[in-house]
Amino acid sequence: ENPNDNSGNQFRQVTNVFNYELGFGIDFYLYYFKFTPSIRGV
């Protein structure tokens, strides 16, 4: 919604973005909690 654009040094983007996501990871079962490292593409 900024009235200035790149002529005023403002690079503008839309506010709402829709994505799909894909990834993988491993659940590690510890005594008190489950720890999960994962990698995901957006």
ModelCIF file with pLDDT and N, C-alpha, C, O atoms, coordinates in Angstrom:
data_MODEL
#
_entry.id   MODEL 
#
_entity.id                         1 
_entity.type                       polymer 
_entity.pdbx_number_of_molecules   1 
#
_entity_poly.entity_id                      1 
_entity_poly.type                           'polypeptide(L)' 
_entity_poly.nstd_linkage                   no 
_entity_poly.nstd_monomer                   no 
_entity_poly.pdbx_seq_one_letter_code       ENPNDNSGNQFRQVTNVFNYELGFGIDFYLYYFKFTPSIRGV 
_entity_poly.pdbx_seq_one_letter_code_can   ENPNDNSGNQFRQVTNVFNYELGFGIDFYLYYFKFTPSIRGV 
_entity_poly.pdbx_strand_id                 A 
#
loop_
_entity_poly_seq.entity_id 
_entity_poly_seq.num 
_entity_poly_seq.mon_id 
_entity_poly_seq.hetero 
1 1  GLU n 
1 2  ASN n 
1 3  PRO n 
1 4  ASN n 
1 5  ASP n 
1 6  ASN n 
1 7  SER n 
1 8  GLY n 
1 9  ASN n 
1 10 GLN n 
1 11 PHE n 
1 12 ARG n 
1 13 GLN n 
1 14 VAL n 
1 15 THR n 
1 16 ASN n 
1 17 VAL n 
1 18 PHE n 
1 19 ASN n 
1 20 TYR n 
1 21 GLU n 
1 22 LEU n 
1 23 GLY n 
1 24 PHE n 
1 25 GLY n 
1 26 ILE n 
1 27 ASP n 
1 28 PHE n 
1 29 TYR n 
1 30 LEU n 
1 31 TYR n 
1 32 TYR n 
1 33 PHE n 
1 34 LYS n 
1 35 PHE n 
1 36 THR n 
1 37 PRO n 
1 38 SER n 
1 39 ILE n 
1 40 ARG n 
1 41 GLY n 
1 42 VAL n 
#
_struct_asym.id          A 
_struct_asym.entity_id   1 
#
loop_
_ma_qa_metric.id 
_ma_qa_metric.mode 
_ma_qa_metric.name 
_ma_qa_metric.software_group_id 
_ma_qa_metric.type 
1 global pLDDT . pLDDT 
2 local  pLDDT . pLDDT 
#
_ma_qa_metric_global.metric_id      1 
_ma_qa_metric_global.metric_value   94.62 
_ma_qa_metric_global.model_id       1 
_ma_qa_metric_global.ordinal_id     1 
#
loop_
_ma_qa_metric_local.label_asym_id 
_ma_qa_metric_local.label_comp_id 
_ma_qa_metric_local.label_seq_id 
_ma_qa_metric_local.metric_id 
_ma_qa_metric_local.metric_value 
_ma_qa_metric_local.model_id 
_ma_qa_metric_local.ordinal_id 
A GLU 1  2 91.00 1 1  
A ASN 2  2 92.00 1 2  
A PRO 3  2 91.00 1 3  
A ASN 4  2 91.00 1 4  
A ASP 5  2 90.00 1 5  
A ASN 6  2 90.00 1 6  
A SER 7  2 86.00 1 7  
A GLY 8  2 86.00 1 8  
A ASN 9  2 87.00 1 9  
A GLN 10 2 90.00 1 10 
A PHE 11 2 92.00 1 11 
A ARG 12 2 95.00 1 12 
A GLN 13 2 96.00 1 13 
A VAL 14 2 96.00 1 14 
A THR 15 2 97.00 1 15 
A ASN 16 2 97.00 1 16 
A VAL 17 2 97.00 1 17 
A PHE 18 2 98.00 1 18 
A ASN 19 2 98.00 1 19 
A TYR 20 2 97.00 1 20 
A GLU 21 2 98.00 1 21 
A LEU 22 2 97.00 1 22 
A GLY 23 2 97.00 1 23 
A PHE 24 2 97.00 1 24 
A GLY 25 2 97.00 1 25 
A ILE 26 2 97.00 1 26 
A ASP 27 2 97.00 1 27 
A PHE 28 2 97.00 1 28 
A TYR 29 2 96.00 1 29 
A LEU 30 2 94.00 1 30 
A TYR 31 2 92.00 1 31 
A TYR 32 2 93.00 1 32 
A PHE 33 2 94.00 1 33 
A LYS 34 2 95.00 1 34 
A PHE 35 2 97.00 1 35 
A THR 36 2 97.00 1 36 
A PRO 37 2 97.00 1 37 
A SER 38 2 97.00 1 38 
A ILE 39 2 97.00 1 39 
A ARG 40 2 97.00 1 40 
A GLY 41 2 97.00 1 41 
A VAL 42 2 97.00 1 42 
#
loop_
_atom_site.group_PDB 
_atom_site.id 
_atom_site.type_symbol 
_atom_site.label_atom_id 
_atom_site.label_alt_id 
_atom_site.label_comp_id 
_atom_site.label_asym_id 
_atom_site.label_entity_id 
_atom_site.label_seq_id 
_atom_site.pdbx_PDB_ins_code 
_atom_site.Cartn_x 
_atom_site.Cartn_y 
_atom_site.Cartn_z 
_atom_site.occupancy 
_atom_site.B_iso_or_equiv 
_atom_site.pdbx_formal_charge 
_atom_site.auth_seq_id 
_atom_site.auth_comp_id 
_atom_site.auth_asym_id 
_atom_site.auth_atom_id 
_atom_site.pdbx_PDB_model_num 
ATOM 1   N N  . GLU A 1 1  ? 0.805  -1.222  0.000  1.00 91.00 ? 1  GLU A N  1 
ATOM 2   C CA . GLU A 1 1  ? 0.000  0.000   0.000  1.00 91.00 ? 1  GLU A CA 1 
ATOM 3   C C  . GLU A 1 1  ? 0.842  1.278   0.000  1.00 91.00 ? 1  GLU A C  1 
ATOM 4   O O  . GLU A 1 1  ? 0.302  2.383   0.071  1.00 91.00 ? 1  GLU A O  1 
ATOM 5   N N  . ASN A 1 2  ? 2.137  1.125   -0.078 1.00 92.00 ? 2  ASN A N  1 
ATOM 6   C CA . ASN A 1 2  ? 3.014  2.302   -0.086 1.00 92.00 ? 2  ASN A CA 1 
ATOM 7   C C  . ASN A 1 2  ? 2.870  3.052   -1.414 1.00 92.00 ? 2  ASN A C  1 
ATOM 8   O O  . ASN A 1 2  ? 3.039  2.436   -2.467 1.00 92.00 ? 2  ASN A O  1 
ATOM 9   N N  . PRO A 1 3  ? 2.567  4.344   -1.410 1.00 91.00 ? 3  PRO A N  1 
ATOM 10  C CA . PRO A 1 3  ? 2.420  5.081   -2.673 1.00 91.00 ? 3  PRO A CA 1 
ATOM 11  C C  . PRO A 1 3  ? 3.727  5.250   -3.425 1.00 91.00 ? 3  PRO A C  1 
ATOM 12  O O  . PRO A 1 3  ? 3.712  5.498   -4.631 1.00 91.00 ? 3  PRO A O  1 
ATOM 13  N N  . ASN A 1 4  ? 4.865  5.121   -2.739 1.00 91.00 ? 4  ASN A N  1 
ATOM 14  C CA . ASN A 1 4  ? 6.164  5.226   -3.401 1.00 91.00 ? 4  ASN A CA 1 
ATOM 15  C C  . ASN A 1 4  ? 6.526  3.895   -4.038 1.00 91.00 ? 4  ASN A C  1 
ATOM 16  O O  . ASN A 1 4  ? 6.223  2.833   -3.494 1.00 91.00 ? 4  ASN A O  1 
ATOM 17  N N  . ASP A 1 5  ? 7.178  3.960   -5.195 1.00 90.00 ? 5  ASP A N  1 
ATOM 18  C CA . ASP A 1 5  ? 7.672  2.741   -5.827 1.00 90.00 ? 5  ASP A CA 1 
ATOM 19  C C  . ASP A 1 5  ? 9.185  2.838   -5.947 1.00 90.00 ? 5  ASP A C  1 
ATOM 20  O O  . ASP A 1 5  ? 9.820  3.550   -5.168 1.00 90.00 ? 5  ASP A O  1 
ATOM 21  N N  . ASN A 1 6  ? 9.773  2.137   -6.909 1.00 90.00 ? 6  ASN A N  1 
ATOM 22  C CA . ASN A 1 6  ? 11.229 2.136   -7.025 1.00 90.00 ? 6  ASN A CA 1 
ATOM 23  C C  . ASN A 1 6  ? 11.805 3.495   -7.381 1.00 90.00 ? 6  ASN A C  1 
ATOM 24  O O  . ASN A 1 6  ? 12.989 3.742   -7.151 1.00 90.00 ? 6  ASN A O  1 
ATOM 25  N N  . SER A 1 7  ? 10.985 4.386   -7.941 1.00 86.00 ? 7  SER A N  1 
ATOM 26  C CA . SER A 1 7  ? 11.466 5.747   -8.184 1.00 86.00 ? 7  SER A CA 1 
ATOM 27  C C  . SER A 1 7  ? 11.731 6.467   -6.868 1.00 86.00 ? 7  SER A C  1 
ATOM 28  O O  . SER A 1 7  ? 12.474 7.448   -6.825 1.00 86.00 ? 7  SER A O  1 
ATOM 29  N N  . GLY A 1 8  ? 11.112 5.966   -5.784 1.00 86.00 ? 8  GLY A N  1 
ATOM 30  C CA . GLY A 1 8  ? 11.360 6.487   -4.443 1.00 86.00 ? 8  GLY A CA 1 
ATOM 31  C C  . GLY A 1 8  ? 12.082 5.484   -3.563 1.00 86.00 ? 8  GLY A C  1 
ATOM 32  O O  . GLY A 1 8  ? 11.993 5.540   -2.336 1.00 86.00 ? 8  GLY A O  1 
ATOM 33  N N  . ASN A 1 9  ? 12.810 4.552   -4.210 1.00 87.00 ? 9  ASN A N  1 
ATOM 34  C CA . ASN A 1 9  ? 13.618 3.533   -3.519 1.00 87.00 ? 9  ASN A CA 1 
ATOM 35  C C  . ASN A 1 9  ? 12.769 2.548   -2.700 1.00 87.00 ? 9  ASN A C  1 
ATOM 36  O O  . ASN A 1 9  ? 13.231 2.030   -1.684 1.00 87.00 ? 9  ASN A O  1 
ATOM 37  N N  . GLN A 1 10 ? 11.534 2.291   -3.139 1.00 90.00 ? 10 GLN A N  1 
ATOM 38  C CA . GLN A 1 10 ? 10.678 1.334   -2.447 1.00 90.00 ? 10 GLN A CA 1 
ATOM 39  C C  . GLN A 1 10 ? 10.339 0.181   -3.386 1.00 90.00 ? 10 GLN A C  1 
ATOM 40  O O  . GLN A 1 10 ? 9.669  0.366   -4.402 1.00 90.00 ? 10 GLN A O  1 
ATOM 41  N N  . PHE A 1 11 ? 10.816 -1.018  -3.028 1.00 92.00 ? 11 PHE A N  1 
ATOM 42  C CA . PHE A 1 11 ? 10.470 -2.222  -3.784 1.00 92.00 ? 11 PHE A CA 1 
ATOM 43  C C  . PHE A 1 11 ? 9.249  -2.846  -3.115 1.00 92.00 ? 11 PHE A C  1 
ATOM 44  O O  . PHE A 1 11 ? 9.278  -3.133  -1.918 1.00 92.00 ? 11 PHE A O  1 
ATOM 45  N N  . ARG A 1 12 ? 8.176  -3.057  -3.879 1.00 95.00 ? 12 ARG A N  1 
ATOM 46  C CA . ARG A 1 12 ? 6.906  -3.463  -3.294 1.00 95.00 ? 12 ARG A CA 1 
ATOM 47  C C  . ARG A 1 12 ? 6.515  -4.890  -3.694 1.00 95.00 ? 12 ARG A C  1 
ATOM 48  O O  . ARG A 1 12 ? 6.777  -5.342  -4.808 1.00 95.00 ? 12 ARG A O  1 
ATOM 49  N N  . GLN A 1 13 ? 5.876  -5.584  -2.734 1.00 96.00 ? 13 GLN A N  1 
ATOM 50  C CA . GLN A 1 13 ? 5.367  -6.937  -2.948 1.00 96.00 ? 13 GLN A CA 1 
ATOM 51  C C  . GLN A 1 13 ? 3.924  -7.016  -2.467 1.00 96.00 ? 13 GLN A C  1 
ATOM 52  O O  . GLN A 1 13 ? 3.459  -6.156  -1.719 1.00 96.00 ? 13 GLN A O  1 
ATOM 53  N N  . VAL A 1 14 ? 3.222  -8.055  -2.903 1.00 96.00 ? 14 VAL A N  1 
ATOM 54  C CA . VAL A 1 14 ? 1.865  -8.261  -2.404 1.00 96.00 ? 14 VAL A CA 1 
ATOM 55  C C  . VAL A 1 14 ? 1.922  -8.763  -0.964 1.00 96.00 ? 14 VAL A C  1 
ATOM 56  O O  . VAL A 1 14 ? 2.922  -9.335  -0.531 1.00 96.00 ? 14 VAL A O  1 
ATOM 57  N N  . THR A 1 15 ? 0.851  -8.542  -0.242 1.00 97.00 ? 15 THR A N  1 
ATOM 58  C CA . THR A 1 15 ? 0.808  -8.923  1.170  1.00 97.00 ? 15 THR A CA 1 
ATOM 59  C C  . THR A 1 15 ? 0.514  -10.404 1.356  1.00 97.00 ? 15 THR A C  1 
ATOM 60  O O  . THR A 1 15 ? 1.124  -11.050 2.208  1.00 97.00 ? 15 THR A O  1 
ATOM 61  N N  . ASN A 1 16 ? -0.409 -10.951 0.575  1.00 97.00 ? 16 ASN A N  1 
ATOM 62  C CA . ASN A 1 16 ? -0.845 -12.329 0.753  1.00 97.00 ? 16 ASN A CA 1 
ATOM 63  C C  . ASN A 1 16 ? -0.215 -13.241 -0.294 1.00 97.00 ? 16 ASN A C  1 
ATOM 64  O O  . ASN A 1 16 ? -0.288 -12.976 -1.494 1.00 97.00 ? 16 ASN A O  1 
ATOM 65  N N  . VAL A 1 17 ? 0.400  -14.311 0.176  1.00 97.00 ? 17 VAL A N  1 
ATOM 66  C CA . VAL A 1 17 ? 1.103  -15.253 -0.691 1.00 97.00 ? 17 VAL A CA 1 
ATOM 67  C C  . VAL A 1 17 ? 0.572  -16.661 -0.400 1.00 97.00 ? 17 VAL A C  1 
ATOM 68  O O  . VAL A 1 17 ? 0.400  -17.048 0.755  1.00 97.00 ? 17 VAL A O  1 
ATOM 69  N N  . PHE A 1 18 ? 0.317  -17.414 -1.471 1.00 98.00 ? 18 PHE A N  1 
ATOM 70  C CA . PHE A 1 18 ? -0.137 -18.799 -1.334 1.00 98.00 ? 18 PHE A CA 1 
ATOM 71  C C  . PHE A 1 18 ? 0.969  -19.718 -1.854 1.00 98.00 ? 18 PHE A C  1 
ATOM 72  O O  . PHE A 1 18 ? 1.581  -19.454 -2.889 1.00 98.00 ? 18 PHE A O  1 
ATOM 73  N N  . ASN A 1 19 ? 1.211  -20.808 -1.109 1.00 98.00 ? 19 ASN A N  1 
ATOM 74  C CA . ASN A 1 19 ? 2.345  -21.682 -1.392 1.00 98.00 ? 19 ASN A CA 1 
ATOM 75  C C  . ASN A 1 19 ? 1.934  -23.143 -1.357 1.00 98.00 ? 19 ASN A C  1 
ATOM 76  O O  . ASN A 1 19 ? 0.880  -23.497 -0.828 1.00 98.00 ? 19 ASN A O  1 
ATOM 77  N N  . TYR A 1 20 ? 2.788  -23.986 -1.932 1.00 97.00 ? 20 TYR A N  1 
ATOM 78  C CA . TYR A 1 20 ? 2.748  -25.412 -1.604 1.00 97.00 ? 20 TYR A CA 1 
ATOM 79  C C  . TYR A 1 20 ? 4.097  -25.792 -1.007 1.00 97.00 ? 20 TYR A C  1 
ATOM 80  O O  . TYR A 1 20 ? 5.115  -25.166 -1.301 1.00 97.00 ? 20 TYR A O  1 
ATOM 81  N N  . GLU A 1 21 ? 4.094  -26.822 -0.166 1.00 98.00 ? 21 GLU A N  1 
ATOM 82  C CA . GLU A 1 21 ? 5.297  -27.184 0.584  1.00 98.00 ? 21 GLU A CA 1 
ATOM 83  C C  . GLU A 1 21 ? 5.543  -28.698 0.495  1.00 98.00 ? 21 GLU A C  1 
ATOM 84  O O  . GLU A 1 21 ? 4.605  -29.495 0.524  1.00 98.00 ? 21 GLU A O  1 
ATOM 85  N N  . LEU A 1 22 ? 6.813  -29.069 0.386  1.00 97.00 ? 22 LEU A N  1 
ATOM 86  C CA . LEU A 1 22 ? 7.237  -30.469 0.346  1.00 97.00 ? 22 LEU A CA 1 
ATOM 87  C C  . LEU A 1 22 ? 8.484  -30.623 1.200  1.00 97.00 ? 22 LEU A C  1 
ATOM 88  O O  . LEU A 1 22 ? 9.365  -29.762 1.178  1.00 97.00 ? 22 LEU A O  1 
ATOM 89  N N  . GLY A 1 23 ? 8.564  -31.713 1.950  1.00 97.00 ? 23 GLY A N  1 
ATOM 90  C CA . GLY A 1 23 ? 9.747  -31.908 2.787  1.00 97.00 ? 23 GLY A CA 1 
ATOM 91  C C  . GLY A 1 23 ? 9.885  -33.312 3.317  1.00 97.00 ? 23 GLY A C  1 
ATOM 92  O O  . GLY A 1 23 ? 9.103  -34.202 2.984  1.00 97.00 ? 23 GLY A O  1 
ATOM 93  N N  . PHE A 1 24 ? 10.882 -33.496 4.140  1.00 97.00 ? 24 PHE A N  1 
ATOM 94  C CA . PHE A 1 24 ? 11.154 -34.790 4.762  1.00 97.00 ? 24 PHE A CA 1 
ATOM 95  C C  . PHE A 1 24 ? 11.866 -34.560 6.082  1.00 97.00 ? 24 PHE A C  1 
ATOM 96  O O  . PHE A 1 24 ? 12.387 -33.474 6.335  1.00 97.00 ? 24 PHE A O  1 
ATOM 97  N N  . GLY A 1 25 ? 11.887 -35.577 6.915  1.00 97.00 ? 25 GLY A N  1 
ATOM 98  C CA . GLY A 1 25 ? 12.558 -35.455 8.205  1.00 97.00 ? 25 GLY A CA 1 
ATOM 99  C C  . GLY A 1 25 ? 12.576 -36.783 8.927  1.00 97.00 ? 25 GLY A C  1 
ATOM 100 O O  . GLY A 1 25 ? 12.160 -37.802 8.376  1.00 97.00 ? 25 GLY A O  1 
ATOM 101 N N  . ILE A 1 26 ? 13.057 -36.776 10.163 1.00 97.00 ? 26 ILE A N  1 
ATOM 102 C CA . ILE A 1 26 ? 13.136 -37.982 10.995 1.00 97.00 ? 26 ILE A CA 1 
ATOM 103 C C  . ILE A 1 26 ? 12.714 -37.622 12.408 1.00 97.00 ? 26 ILE A C  1 
ATOM 104 O O  . ILE A 1 26 ? 13.230 -36.668 12.991 1.00 97.00 ? 26 ILE A O  1 
ATOM 105 N N  . ASP A 1 27 ? 11.780 -38.380 12.959 1.00 97.00 ? 27 ASP A N  1 
ATOM 106 C CA . ASP A 1 27 ? 11.405 -38.253 14.368 1.00 97.00 ? 27 ASP A CA 1 
ATOM 107 C C  . ASP A 1 27 ? 12.371 -39.083 15.212 1.00 97.00 ? 27 ASP A C  1 
ATOM 108 O O  . ASP A 1 27 ? 12.560 -40.273 14.958 1.00 97.00 ? 27 ASP A O  1 
ATOM 109 N N  . PHE A 1 28 ? 12.970 -38.461 16.203 1.00 97.00 ? 28 PHE A N  1 
ATOM 110 C CA . PHE A 1 28 ? 13.827 -39.159 17.160 1.00 97.00 ? 28 PHE A CA 1 
ATOM 111 C C  . PHE A 1 28 ? 13.113 -39.172 18.515 1.00 97.00 ? 28 PHE A C  1 
ATOM 112 O O  . PHE A 1 28 ? 12.766 -38.118 19.048 1.00 97.00 ? 28 PHE A O  1 
ATOM 113 N N  . TYR A 1 29 ? 12.898 -40.354 19.061 1.00 96.00 ? 29 TYR A N  1 
ATOM 114 C CA . TYR A 1 29 ? 12.172 -40.506 20.323 1.00 96.00 ? 29 TYR A CA 1 
ATOM 115 C C  . TYR A 1 29 ? 13.153 -40.500 21.483 1.00 96.00 ? 29 TYR A C  1 
ATOM 116 O O  . TYR A 1 29 ? 13.940 -41.431 21.655 1.00 96.00 ? 29 TYR A O  1 
ATOM 117 N N  . LEU A 1 30 ? 13.095 -39.448 22.269 1.00 94.00 ? 30 LEU A N  1 
ATOM 118 C CA . LEU A 1 30 ? 13.909 -39.340 23.465 1.00 94.00 ? 30 LEU A CA 1 
ATOM 119 C C  . LEU A 1 30 ? 13.044 -39.666 24.681 1.00 94.00 ? 30 LEU A C  1 
ATOM 120 O O  . LEU A 1 30 ? 11.867 -39.994 24.531 1.00 94.00 ? 30 LEU A O  1 
ATOM 121 N N  . TYR A 1 31 ? 13.606 -39.580 25.862 1.00 92.00 ? 31 TYR A N  1 
ATOM 122 C CA . TYR A 1 31 ? 12.847 -40.007 27.042 1.00 92.00 ? 31 TYR A CA 1 
ATOM 123 C C  . TYR A 1 31 ? 11.703 -39.047 27.364 1.00 92.00 ? 31 TYR A C  1 
ATOM 124 O O  . TYR A 1 31 ? 10.596 -39.481 27.679 1.00 92.00 ? 31 TYR A O  1 
ATOM 125 N N  . TYR A 1 32 ? 11.974 -37.729 27.283 1.00 93.00 ? 32 TYR A N  1 
ATOM 126 C CA . TYR A 1 32 ? 10.961 -36.743 27.674 1.00 93.00 ? 32 TYR A CA 1 
ATOM 127 C C  . TYR A 1 32 ? 10.225 -36.102 26.494 1.00 93.00 ? 32 TYR A C  1 
ATOM 128 O O  . TYR A 1 32 ? 9.138  -35.555 26.685 1.00 93.00 ? 32 TYR A O  1 
ATOM 129 N N  . PHE A 1 33 ? 10.768 -36.153 25.314 1.00 94.00 ? 33 PHE A N  1 
ATOM 130 C CA . PHE A 1 33 ? 10.121 -35.497 24.176 1.00 94.00 ? 33 PHE A CA 1 
ATOM 131 C C  . PHE A 1 33 ? 10.601 -36.130 22.876 1.00 94.00 ? 33 PHE A C  1 
ATOM 132 O O  . PHE A 1 33 ? 11.547 -36.916 22.847 1.00 94.00 ? 33 PHE A O  1 
ATOM 133 N N  . LYS A 1 34 ? 9.906  -35.753 21.798 1.00 95.00 ? 34 LYS A N  1 
ATOM 134 C CA . LYS A 1 34 ? 10.267 -36.203 20.461 1.00 95.00 ? 34 LYS A CA 1 
ATOM 135 C C  . LYS A 1 34 ? 10.959 -35.041 19.744 1.00 95.00 ? 34 LYS A C  1 
ATOM 136 O O  . LYS A 1 34 ? 10.410 -33.942 19.651 1.00 95.00 ? 34 LYS A O  1 
ATOM 137 N N  . PHE A 1 35 ? 12.152 -35.294 19.248 1.00 97.00 ? 35 PHE A N  1 
ATOM 138 C CA . PHE A 1 35 ? 12.952 -34.274 18.567 1.00 97.00 ? 35 PHE A CA 1 
ATOM 139 C C  . PHE A 1 35 ? 12.968 -34.590 17.074 1.00 97.00 ? 35 PHE A C  1 
ATOM 140 O O  . PHE A 1 35 ? 13.266 -35.714 16.671 1.00 97.00 ? 35 PHE A O  1 
ATOM 141 N N  . THR A 1 36 ? 12.642 -33.576 16.250 1.00 97.00 ? 36 THR A N  1 
ATOM 142 C CA . THR A 1 36 ? 12.482 -33.818 14.814 1.00 97.00 ? 36 THR A CA 1 
ATOM 143 C C  . THR A 1 36 ? 13.221 -32.772 13.995 1.00 97.00 ? 36 THR A C  1 
ATOM 144 O O  . THR A 1 36 ? 12.760 -31.633 13.908 1.00 97.00 ? 36 THR A O  1 
ATOM 145 N N  . PRO A 1 37 ? 14.357 -33.121 13.389 1.00 97.00 ? 37 PRO A N  1 
ATOM 146 C CA . PRO A 1 37 ? 14.951 -32.246 12.377 1.00 97.00 ? 37 PRO A CA 1 
ATOM 147 C C  . PRO A 1 37 ? 14.281 -32.517 11.033 1.00 97.00 ? 37 PRO A C  1 
ATOM 148 O O  . PRO A 1 37 ? 14.007 -33.668 10.693 1.00 97.00 ? 37 PRO A O  1 
ATOM 149 N N  . SER A 1 38 ? 14.020 -31.466 10.278 1.00 97.00 ? 38 SER A N  1 
ATOM 150 C CA . SER A 1 38 ? 13.365 -31.639 8.979  1.00 97.00 ? 38 SER A CA 1 
ATOM 151 C C  . SER A 1 38 ? 13.821 -30.556 8.016  1.00 97.00 ? 38 SER A C  1 
ATOM 152 O O  . SER A 1 38 ? 14.253 -29.478 8.424  1.00 97.00 ? 38 SER A O  1 
ATOM 153 N N  . ILE A 1 39 ? 13.718 -30.865 6.729  1.00 97.00 ? 39 ILE A N  1 
ATOM 154 C CA . ILE A 1 39 ? 14.006 -29.926 5.656  1.00 97.00 ? 39 ILE A CA 1 
ATOM 155 C C  . ILE A 1 39 ? 12.756 -29.822 4.791  1.00 97.00 ? 39 ILE A C  1 
ATOM 156 O O  . ILE A 1 39 ? 12.172 -30.833 4.404  1.00 97.00 ? 39 ILE A O  1 
ATOM 157 N N  . ARG A 1 40 ? 12.350 -28.580 4.490  1.00 97.00 ? 40 ARG A N  1 
ATOM 158 C CA . ARG A 1 40 ? 11.135 -28.403 3.701  1.00 97.00 ? 40 ARG A CA 1 
ATOM 159 C C  . ARG A 1 40 ? 11.318 -27.277 2.689  1.00 97.00 ? 40 ARG A C  1 
ATOM 160 O O  . ARG A 1 40 ? 11.891 -26.232 2.995  1.00 97.00 ? 40 ARG A O  1 
ATOM 161 N N  . GLY A 1 41 ? 10.824 -27.511 1.489  1.00 97.00 ? 41 GLY A N  1 
ATOM 162 C CA . GLY A 1 41 ? 10.816 -26.497 0.450  1.00 97.00 ? 41 GLY A CA 1 
ATOM 163 C C  . GLY A 1 41 ? 9.474  -25.791 0.410  1.00 97.00 ? 41 GLY A C  1 
ATOM 164 O O  . GLY A 1 41 ? 8.425  -26.420 0.552  1.00 97.00 ? 41 GLY A O  1 
ATOM 165 N N  . VAL A 1 42 ? 9.513  -24.468 0.213  1.00 97.00 ? 42 VAL A N  1 
ATOM 166 C CA . VAL A 1 42 ? 8.301  -23.642 0.145  1.00 97.00 ? 42 VAL A CA 1 
ATOM 167 C C  . VAL A 1 42 ? 8.285  -22.954 -1.226 1.00 97.00 ? 42 VAL A C  1 
ATOM 168 O O  . VAL A 1 42 ? 7.360  -22.200 -1.527 1.00 97.00 ? 42 VAL A O  1 
#
